[in-house]
Amino acid sequence: MRIALVVFAALATTACGARTGLEPQAGASLPQPTYGEQQSPDAEQLLELGALAAPERSVELRRRSEEREDDPFDLPPE
């Protein structure tokens, strides 16, 4: 019984997301356009992550251990 309740609670909390388009709250507006832009971004454009915010991961796997290169910034504490 307890397990069923936990599973139901987990499913209920994951299914409570918005199913419609995003809109600003009543009385609020989207941010002003940045300098040089003609129109302000919509909600979908604001949610897009740039290349610096979500960099692509290297999927190269190591086959065996390798010696690390010398790190010039790995200094002992003063």
PDB file of N, CA and C in Angstrom:
ATOM      1  N   MET A   1       0.823  -1.190   0.000  1.00  0.00           N
ATOM      2  CA  MET A   1       0.000   0.000   0.000  1.00  0.00           C
ATOM      3  C   MET A   1       0.869   1.257   0.000  1.00  0.00           C
ATOM      4  N   ARG A   2       1.907   1.254   0.843  1.00  0.00           N
ATOM      5  CA  ARG A   2       2.788   2.418   0.935  1.00  0.00           C
ATOM      6  C   ARG A   2       3.530   2.640  -0.379  1.00  0.00           C
ATOM      7  N   ILE A   3       3.964   1.550  -1.006  1.00  0.00           N
ATOM      8  CA  ILE A   3       4.691   1.671  -2.277  1.00  0.00           C
ATOM      9  C   ILE A   3       3.771   2.250  -3.347  1.00  0.00           C
ATOM     10  N   ALA A   4       2.537   1.790  -3.391  1.00  0.00           N
ATOM     11  CA  ALA A   4       1.589   2.310  -4.378  1.00  0.00           C
ATOM     12  C   ALA A   4       1.348   3.797  -4.165  1.00  0.00           C
ATOM     13  N   LEU A   5       1.278   4.218  -2.909  1.00  0.00           N
ATOM     14  CA  LEU A   5       1.073   5.633  -2.617  1.00  0.00           C
ATOM     15  C   LEU A   5       2.271   6.466  -3.063  1.00  0.00           C
ATOM     16  N   VAL A   6       3.476   5.970  -2.835  1.00  0.00           N
ATOM     17  CA  VAL A   6       4.692   6.687  -3.249  1.00  0.00           C
ATOM     18  C   VAL A   6       4.753   6.777  -4.773  1.00  0.00           C
ATOM     19  N   VAL A   7       4.436   5.683  -5.459  1.00  0.00           N
ATOM     20  CA  VAL A   7       4.457   5.688  -6.927  1.00  0.00           C
ATOM     21  C   VAL A   7       3.408   6.658  -7.459  1.00  0.00           C
ATOM     22  N   PHE A   8       2.210   6.645  -6.882  1.00  0.00           N
ATOM     23  CA  PHE A   8       1.165   7.560  -7.318  1.00  0.00           C
ATOM     24  C   PHE A   8       1.583   9.017  -7.101  1.00  0.00           C
ATOM     25  N   ALA A   9       2.180   9.314  -5.951  1.00  0.00           N
ATOM     26  CA  ALA A   9       2.623  10.680  -5.666  1.00  0.00           C
ATOM     27  C   ALA A   9       3.704  11.117  -6.642  1.00  0.00           C
ATOM     28  N   ALA A  10       4.621  10.214  -6.971  1.00  0.00           N
ATOM     29  CA  ALA A  10       5.682  10.547  -7.921  1.00  0.00           C
ATOM     30  C   ALA A  10       5.102  10.822  -9.305  1.00  0.00           C
ATOM     31  N   LEU A  11       4.162  10.003  -9.736  1.00  0.00           N
ATOM     32  CA  LEU A  11       3.545  10.215 -11.046  1.00  0.00           C
ATOM     33  C   LEU A  11       2.708  11.489 -11.066  1.00  0.00           C
ATOM     34  N   ALA A  12       2.033  11.780  -9.978  1.00  0.00           N
ATOM     35  CA  ALA A  12       1.192  12.973  -9.923  1.00  0.00           C
ATOM     36  C   ALA A  12       2.032  14.244  -9.979  1.00  0.00           C
ATOM     37  N   THR A  13       3.182  14.254  -9.316  1.00  0.00           N
ATOM     38  CA  THR A  13       4.005  15.461  -9.320  1.00  0.00           C
ATOM     39  C   THR A  13       4.718  15.657 -10.646  1.00  0.00           C
ATOM     40  N   THR A  14       5.027  14.579 -11.344  1.00  0.00           N
ATOM     41  CA  THR A  14       5.684  14.744 -12.643  1.00  0.00           C
ATOM     42  C   THR A  14       4.694  15.098 -13.734  1.00  0.00           C
ATOM     43  N   ALA A  15       3.427  14.840 -13.527  1.00  0.00           N
ATOM     44  CA  ALA A  15       2.422  15.106 -14.550  1.00  0.00           C
ATOM     45  C   ALA A  15       1.730  16.445 -14.353  1.00  0.00           C
ATOM     46  N   CYS A  16       2.206  17.281 -13.453  1.00  0.00           N
ATOM     47  CA  CYS A  16       1.499  18.524 -13.188  1.00  0.00           C
ATOM     48  C   CYS A  16       2.057  19.706 -13.979  1.00  0.00           C
ATOM     49  N   GLY A  17       2.867  19.462 -14.986  1.00  0.00           N
ATOM     50  CA  GLY A  17       3.432  20.543 -15.774  1.00  0.00           C
ATOM     51  C   GLY A  17       2.399  21.210 -16.653  1.00  0.00           C
ATOM     52  N   ALA A  18       2.746  22.384 -17.147  1.00  0.00           N
ATOM     53  CA  ALA A  18       1.827  23.137 -18.000  1.00  0.00           C
ATOM     54  C   ALA A  18       1.682  22.437 -19.345  1.00  0.00           C
ATOM     55  N   ARG A  19       0.491  22.423 -19.853  1.00  0.00           N
ATOM     56  CA  ARG A  19       0.229  21.779 -21.139  1.00  0.00           C
ATOM     57  C   ARG A  19      -0.103  22.804 -22.217  1.00  0.00           C
ATOM     58  N   THR A  20      -0.094  24.069 -21.889  1.00  0.00           N
ATOM     59  CA  THR A  20      -0.392  25.112 -22.861  1.00  0.00           C
ATOM     60  C   THR A  20       0.852  25.975 -23.035  1.00  0.00           C
ATOM     61  N   GLY A  21       0.775  26.898 -23.959  1.00  0.00           N
ATOM     62  CA  GLY A  21       1.888  27.800 -24.192  1.00  0.00           C
ATOM     63  C   GLY A  21       2.155  28.685 -22.989  1.00  0.00           C
ATOM     64  N   LEU A  22       3.370  29.113 -22.842  1.00  0.00           N
ATOM     65  CA  LEU A  22       3.727  29.968 -21.713  1.00  0.00           C
ATOM     66  C   LEU A  22       3.282  31.403 -21.982  1.00  0.00           C
ATOM     67  N   GLU A  23       2.702  32.006 -21.008  1.00  0.00           N
ATOM     68  CA  GLU A  23       2.241  33.387 -21.084  1.00  0.00           C
ATOM     69  C   GLU A  23       2.703  34.114 -19.826  1.00  0.00           C
ATOM     70  N   PRO A  24       3.002  35.417 -19.920  1.00  0.00           N
ATOM     71  CA  PRO A  24       3.372  36.152 -18.707  1.00  0.00           C
ATOM     72  C   PRO A  24       2.194  36.248 -17.747  1.00  0.00           C
ATOM     73  N   GLN A  25       2.495  36.402 -16.475  1.00  0.00           N
ATOM     74  CA  GLN A  25       1.443  36.536 -15.474  1.00  0.00           C
ATOM     75  C   GLN A  25       0.642  37.812 -15.732  1.00  0.00           C
ATOM     76  N   ALA A  26      -0.558  37.870 -15.159  1.00  0.00           N
ATOM     77  CA  ALA A  26      -1.407  39.045 -15.327  1.00  0.00           C
ATOM     78  C   ALA A  26      -0.695  40.271 -14.748  1.00  0.00           C
ATOM     79  N   GLY A  27      -0.630  41.330 -15.511  1.00  0.00           N
ATOM     80  CA  GLY A  27       0.027  42.554 -15.069  1.00  0.00           C
ATOM     81  C   GLY A  27       1.527  42.575 -15.342  1.00  0.00           C
ATOM     82  N   ALA A  28       2.094  41.478 -15.808  1.00  0.00           N
ATOM     83  CA  ALA A  28       3.527  41.414 -16.109  1.00  0.00           C
ATOM     84  C   ALA A  28       3.712  41.325 -17.619  1.00  0.00           C
ATOM     85  N   SER A  29       4.907  41.613 -18.062  1.00  0.00           N
ATOM     86  CA  SER A  29       5.197  41.515 -19.489  1.00  0.00           C
ATOM     87  C   SER A  29       6.544  40.831 -19.667  1.00  0.00           C
ATOM     88  N   LEU A  30       6.814  40.453 -20.898  1.00  0.00           N
ATOM     89  CA  LEU A  30       8.107  39.859 -21.196  1.00  0.00           C
ATOM     90  C   LEU A  30       9.183  40.932 -21.129  1.00  0.00           C
ATOM     91  N   PRO A  31      10.453  40.541 -20.993  1.00  0.00           N
ATOM     92  CA  PRO A  31      11.524  41.541 -20.915  1.00  0.00           C
ATOM     93  C   PRO A  31      11.583  42.418 -22.164  1.00  0.00           C
ATOM     94  N   GLN A  32      12.108  43.604 -21.999  1.00  0.00           N
ATOM     95  CA  GLN A  32      12.284  44.522 -23.117  1.00  0.00           C
ATOM     96  C   GLN A  32      13.321  43.955 -24.076  1.00  0.00           C
ATOM     97  N   PRO A  33      13.236  44.314 -25.358  1.00  0.00           N
ATOM     98  CA  PRO A  33      14.244  43.821 -26.300  1.00  0.00           C
ATOM     99  C   PRO A  33      15.619  44.384 -25.950  1.00  0.00           C
ATOM    100  N   THR A  34      16.639  43.607 -26.237  1.00  0.00           N
ATOM    101  CA  THR A  34      17.997  44.068 -25.986  1.00  0.00           C
ATOM    102  C   THR A  34      18.355  45.185 -26.951  1.00  0.00           C
ATOM    103  N   TYR A  35      19.392  45.900 -26.633  1.00  0.00           N
ATOM    104  CA  TYR A  35      19.808  47.030 -27.447  1.00  0.00           C
ATOM    105  C   TYR A  35      20.103  46.570 -28.872  1.00  0.00           C
ATOM    106  N   GLY A  36      19.485  47.189 -29.830  1.00  0.00           N
ATOM    107  CA  GLY A  36      19.700  46.862 -31.232  1.00  0.00           C
ATOM    108  C   GLY A  36      18.675  45.902 -31.804  1.00  0.00           C
ATOM    109  N   GLU A  37      17.869  45.263 -30.969  1.00  0.00           N
ATOM    110  CA  GLU A  37      16.837  44.347 -31.448  1.00  0.00           C
ATOM    111  C   GLU A  37      15.536  45.117 -31.669  1.00  0.00           C
ATOM    112  N   GLN A  38      14.755  44.662 -32.625  1.00  0.00           N
ATOM    113  CA  GLN A  38      13.497  45.328 -32.937  1.00  0.00           C
ATOM    114  C   GLN A  38      12.335  44.810 -32.097  1.00  0.00           C
ATOM    115  N   GLN A  39      12.362  43.537 -31.756  1.00  0.00           N
ATOM    116  CA  GLN A  39      11.261  42.960 -30.994  1.00  0.00           C
ATOM    117  C   GLN A  39      11.807  42.160 -29.815  1.00  0.00           C
ATOM    118  N   SER A  40      11.010  42.061 -28.778  1.00  0.00           N
ATOM    119  CA  SER A  40      11.442  41.299 -27.609  1.00  0.00           C
ATOM    120  C   SER A  40      11.236  39.811 -27.871  1.00  0.00           C
ATOM    121  N   PRO A  41      12.054  38.948 -27.270  1.00  0.00           N
ATOM    122  CA  PRO A  41      11.920  37.506 -27.505  1.00  0.00           C
ATOM    123  C   PRO A  41      10.647  36.970 -26.873  1.00  0.00           C
ATOM    124  N   ASP A  42      10.079  35.926 -27.489  1.00  0.00           N
ATOM    125  CA  ASP A  42       8.893  35.299 -26.897  1.00  0.00           C
ATOM    126  C   ASP A  42       9.340  34.263 -25.865  1.00  0.00           C
ATOM    127  N   ALA A  43       8.397  33.612 -25.225  1.00  0.00           N
ATOM    128  CA  ALA A  43       8.703  32.684 -24.137  1.00  0.00           C
ATOM    129  C   ALA A  43       9.554  31.517 -24.615  1.00  0.00           C
ATOM    130  N   GLU A  44       9.272  30.994 -25.799  1.00  0.00           N
ATOM    131  CA  GLU A  44      10.046  29.858 -26.303  1.00  0.00           C
ATOM    132  C   GLU A  44      11.496  30.255 -26.567  1.00  0.00           C
ATOM    133  N   GLN A  45      11.727  31.439 -27.091  1.00  0.00           N
ATOM    134  CA  GLN A  45      13.088  31.894 -27.348  1.00  0.00           C
ATOM    135  C   GLN A  45      13.850  32.113 -26.046  1.00  0.00           C
ATOM    136  N   LEU A  46      13.149  32.552 -25.004  1.00  0.00           N
ATOM    137  CA  LEU A  46      13.812  32.747 -23.714  1.00  0.00           C
ATOM    138  C   LEU A  46      14.207  31.429 -23.065  1.00  0.00           C
ATOM    139  N   LEU A  47      13.520  30.348 -23.403  1.00  0.00           N
ATOM    140  CA  LEU A  47      13.825  29.051 -22.809  1.00  0.00           C
ATOM    141  C   LEU A  47      14.915  28.296 -23.545  1.00  0.00           C
ATOM    142  N   GLU A  48      15.294  28.737 -24.736  1.00  0.00           N
ATOM    143  CA  GLU A  48      16.349  28.063 -25.490  1.00  0.00           C
ATOM    144  C   GLU A  48      17.695  28.301 -24.819  1.00  0.00           C
ATOM    145  N   LEU A  49      18.491  27.240 -24.710  1.00  0.00           N
ATOM    146  CA  LEU A  49      19.826  27.350 -24.129  1.00  0.00           C
ATOM    147  C   LEU A  49      20.843  27.597 -25.232  1.00  0.00           C
ATOM    148  N   GLY A  50      21.739  28.509 -24.976  1.00  0.00           N
ATOM    149  CA  GLY A  50      22.790  28.781 -25.933  1.00  0.00           C
ATOM    150  C   GLY A  50      23.891  27.731 -25.860  1.00  0.00           C
ATOM    151  N   ALA A  51      24.858  27.826 -26.759  1.00  0.00           N
ATOM    152  CA  ALA A  51      25.941  26.851 -26.795  1.00  0.00           C
ATOM    153  C   ALA A  51      26.799  26.914 -25.538  1.00  0.00           C
ATOM    154  N   LEU A  52      26.942  28.091 -24.942  1.00  0.00           N
ATOM    155  CA  LEU A  52      27.744  28.203 -23.726  1.00  0.00           C
ATOM    156  C   LEU A  52      26.994  27.686 -22.503  1.00  0.00           C
ATOM    157  N   ALA A  53      25.676  27.787 -22.505  1.00  0.00           N
ATOM    158  CA  ALA A  53      24.886  27.329 -21.359  1.00  0.00           C
ATOM    159  C   ALA A  53      24.774  25.814 -21.329  1.00  0.00           C
ATOM    160  N   ALA A  54      24.760  25.173 -22.470  1.00  0.00           N
ATOM    161  CA  ALA A  54      24.636  23.714 -22.544  1.00  0.00           C
ATOM    162  C   ALA A  54      25.620  23.192 -23.584  1.00  0.00           C
ATOM    163  N   PRO A  55      26.903  23.103 -23.228  1.00  0.00           N
ATOM    164  CA  PRO A  55      27.888  22.653 -24.212  1.00  0.00           C
ATOM    165  C   PRO A  55      27.701  21.176 -24.548  1.00  0.00           C
ATOM    166  N   GLU A  56      28.110  20.806 -25.736  1.00  0.00           N
ATOM    167  CA  GLU A  56      28.033  19.406 -26.133  1.00  0.00           C
ATOM    168  C   GLU A  56      29.097  18.621 -25.383  1.00  0.00           C
ATOM    169  N   ARG A  57      28.765  17.424 -25.033  1.00  0.00           N
ATOM    170  CA  ARG A  57      29.689  16.564 -24.289  1.00  0.00           C
ATOM    171  C   ARG A  57      30.506  15.723 -25.254  1.00  0.00           C
ATOM    172  N   SER A  58      31.735  15.469 -24.862  1.00  0.00           N
ATOM    173  CA  SER A  58      32.575  14.572 -25.628  1.00  0.00           C
ATOM    174  C   SER A  58      32.224  13.143 -25.229  1.00  0.00           C
ATOM    175  N   VAL A  59      31.939  12.318 -26.191  1.00  0.00           N
ATOM    176  CA  VAL A  59      31.564  10.942 -25.897  1.00  0.00           C
ATOM    177  C   VAL A  59      32.725   9.982 -26.114  1.00  0.00           C
ATOM    178  N   GLU A  60      33.922  10.519 -26.253  1.00  0.00           N
ATOM    179  CA  GLU A  60      35.088   9.683 -26.448  1.00  0.00           C
ATOM    180  C   GLU A  60      35.366   8.909 -25.163  1.00  0.00           C
ATOM    181  N   LEU A  61      35.383   7.602 -25.264  1.00  0.00           N
ATOM    182  CA  LEU A  61      35.631   6.757 -24.104  1.00  0.00           C
ATOM    183  C   LEU A  61      37.111   6.433 -23.989  1.00  0.00           C
ATOM    184  N   ARG A  62      37.575   6.354 -22.789  1.00  0.00           N
ATOM    185  CA  ARG A  62      38.963   5.948 -22.543  1.00  0.00           C
ATOM    186  C   ARG A  62      39.036   4.433 -22.559  1.00  0.00           C
ATOM    187  N   ARG A  63      39.975   3.898 -23.268  1.00  0.00           N
ATOM    188  CA  ARG A  63      40.145   2.450 -23.341  1.00  0.00           C
ATOM    189  C   ARG A  63      41.080   1.956 -22.238  1.00  0.00           C
ATOM    190  N   ARG A  64      42.011   2.796 -21.832  1.00  0.00           N
ATOM    191  CA  ARG A  64      42.944   2.427 -20.768  1.00  0.00           C
ATOM    192  C   ARG A  64      43.389   3.700 -20.067  1.00  0.00           C
ATOM    193  N   SER A  65      43.962   3.546 -18.910  1.00  0.00           N
ATOM    194  CA  SER A  65      44.373   4.728 -18.165  1.00  0.00           C
ATOM    195  C   SER A  65      45.541   5.400 -18.880  1.00  0.00           C
ATOM    196  N   GLU A  66      45.535   6.715 -18.817  1.00  0.00           N
ATOM    197  CA  GLU A  66      46.582   7.500 -19.457  1.00  0.00           C
ATOM    198  C   GLU A  66      47.151   8.479 -18.442  1.00  0.00           C
ATOM    199  N   GLU A  67      48.380   8.818 -18.615  1.00  0.00           N
ATOM    200  CA  GLU A  67      49.034   9.786 -17.737  1.00  0.00           C
ATOM    201  C   GLU A  67      48.443  11.165 -17.989  1.00  0.00           C
ATOM    202  N   ARG A  68      48.145  11.877 -16.916  1.00  0.00           N
ATOM    203  CA  ARG A  68      47.600  13.225 -17.074  1.00  0.00           C
ATOM    204  C   ARG A  68      48.686  14.195 -17.529  1.00  0.00           C
ATOM    205  N   GLU A  69      48.250  15.178 -18.316  1.00  0.00           N
ATOM    206  CA  GLU A  69      49.175  16.229 -18.721  1.00  0.00           C
ATOM    207  C   GLU A  69      49.427  17.151 -17.537  1.00  0.00           C
ATOM    208  N   ASP A  70      50.548  17.843 -17.548  1.00  0.00           N
ATOM    209  CA  ASP A  70      50.885  18.759 -16.475  1.00  0.00           C
ATOM    210  C   ASP A  70      49.919  19.951 -16.522  1.00  0.00           C
ATOM    211  N   ASP A  71      49.361  20.288 -15.375  1.00  0.00           N
ATOM    212  CA  ASP A  71      48.419  21.406 -15.273  1.00  0.00           C
ATOM    213  C   ASP A  71      49.142  22.589 -14.630  1.00  0.00           C
ATOM    214  N   PRO A  72      49.387  23.681 -15.380  1.00  0.00           N
ATOM    215  CA  PRO A  72      50.114  24.820 -14.804  1.00  0.00           C
ATOM    216  C   PRO A  72      49.318  25.546 -13.735  1.00  0.00           C
ATOM    217  N   PHE A  73      48.013  25.349 -13.656  1.00  0.00           N
ATOM    218  CA  PHE A  73      47.196  26.028 -12.664  1.00  0.00           C
ATOM    219  C   PHE A  73      46.997  25.201 -11.401  1.00  0.00           C
ATOM    220  N   ASP A  74      47.501  23.987 -11.355  1.00  0.00           N
ATOM    221  CA  ASP A  74      47.386  23.137 -10.177  1.00  0.00           C
ATOM    222  C   ASP A  74      48.536  23.477  -9.232  1.00  0.00           C
ATOM    223  N   LEU A  75      48.340  24.548  -8.481  1.00  0.00           N
ATOM    224  CA  LEU A  75      49.398  25.036  -7.589  1.00  0.00           C
ATOM    225  C   LEU A  75      49.107  24.648  -6.162  1.00  0.00           C
ATOM    226  N   PRO A  76      50.137  24.419  -5.357  1.00  0.00           N
ATOM    227  CA  PRO A  76      49.893  24.113  -3.951  1.00  0.00           C
ATOM    228  C   PRO A  76      49.387  25.354  -3.217  1.00  0.00           C
ATOM    229  N   PRO A  77      48.646  25.155  -2.124  1.00  0.00           N
ATOM    230  CA  PRO A  77      48.159  26.316  -1.363  1.00  0.00           C
ATOM    231  C   PRO A  77      49.316  27.108  -0.760  1.00  0.00           C
ATOM    232  N   GLU A  78      49.103  28.392  -0.606  1.00  0.00           N
ATOM    233  CA  GLU A  78      50.165  29.240  -0.055  1.00  0.00           C
ATOM    234  C   GLU A  78      50.154  29.233   1.442  1.00  0.00           C
TER     235      GLU A  78
END
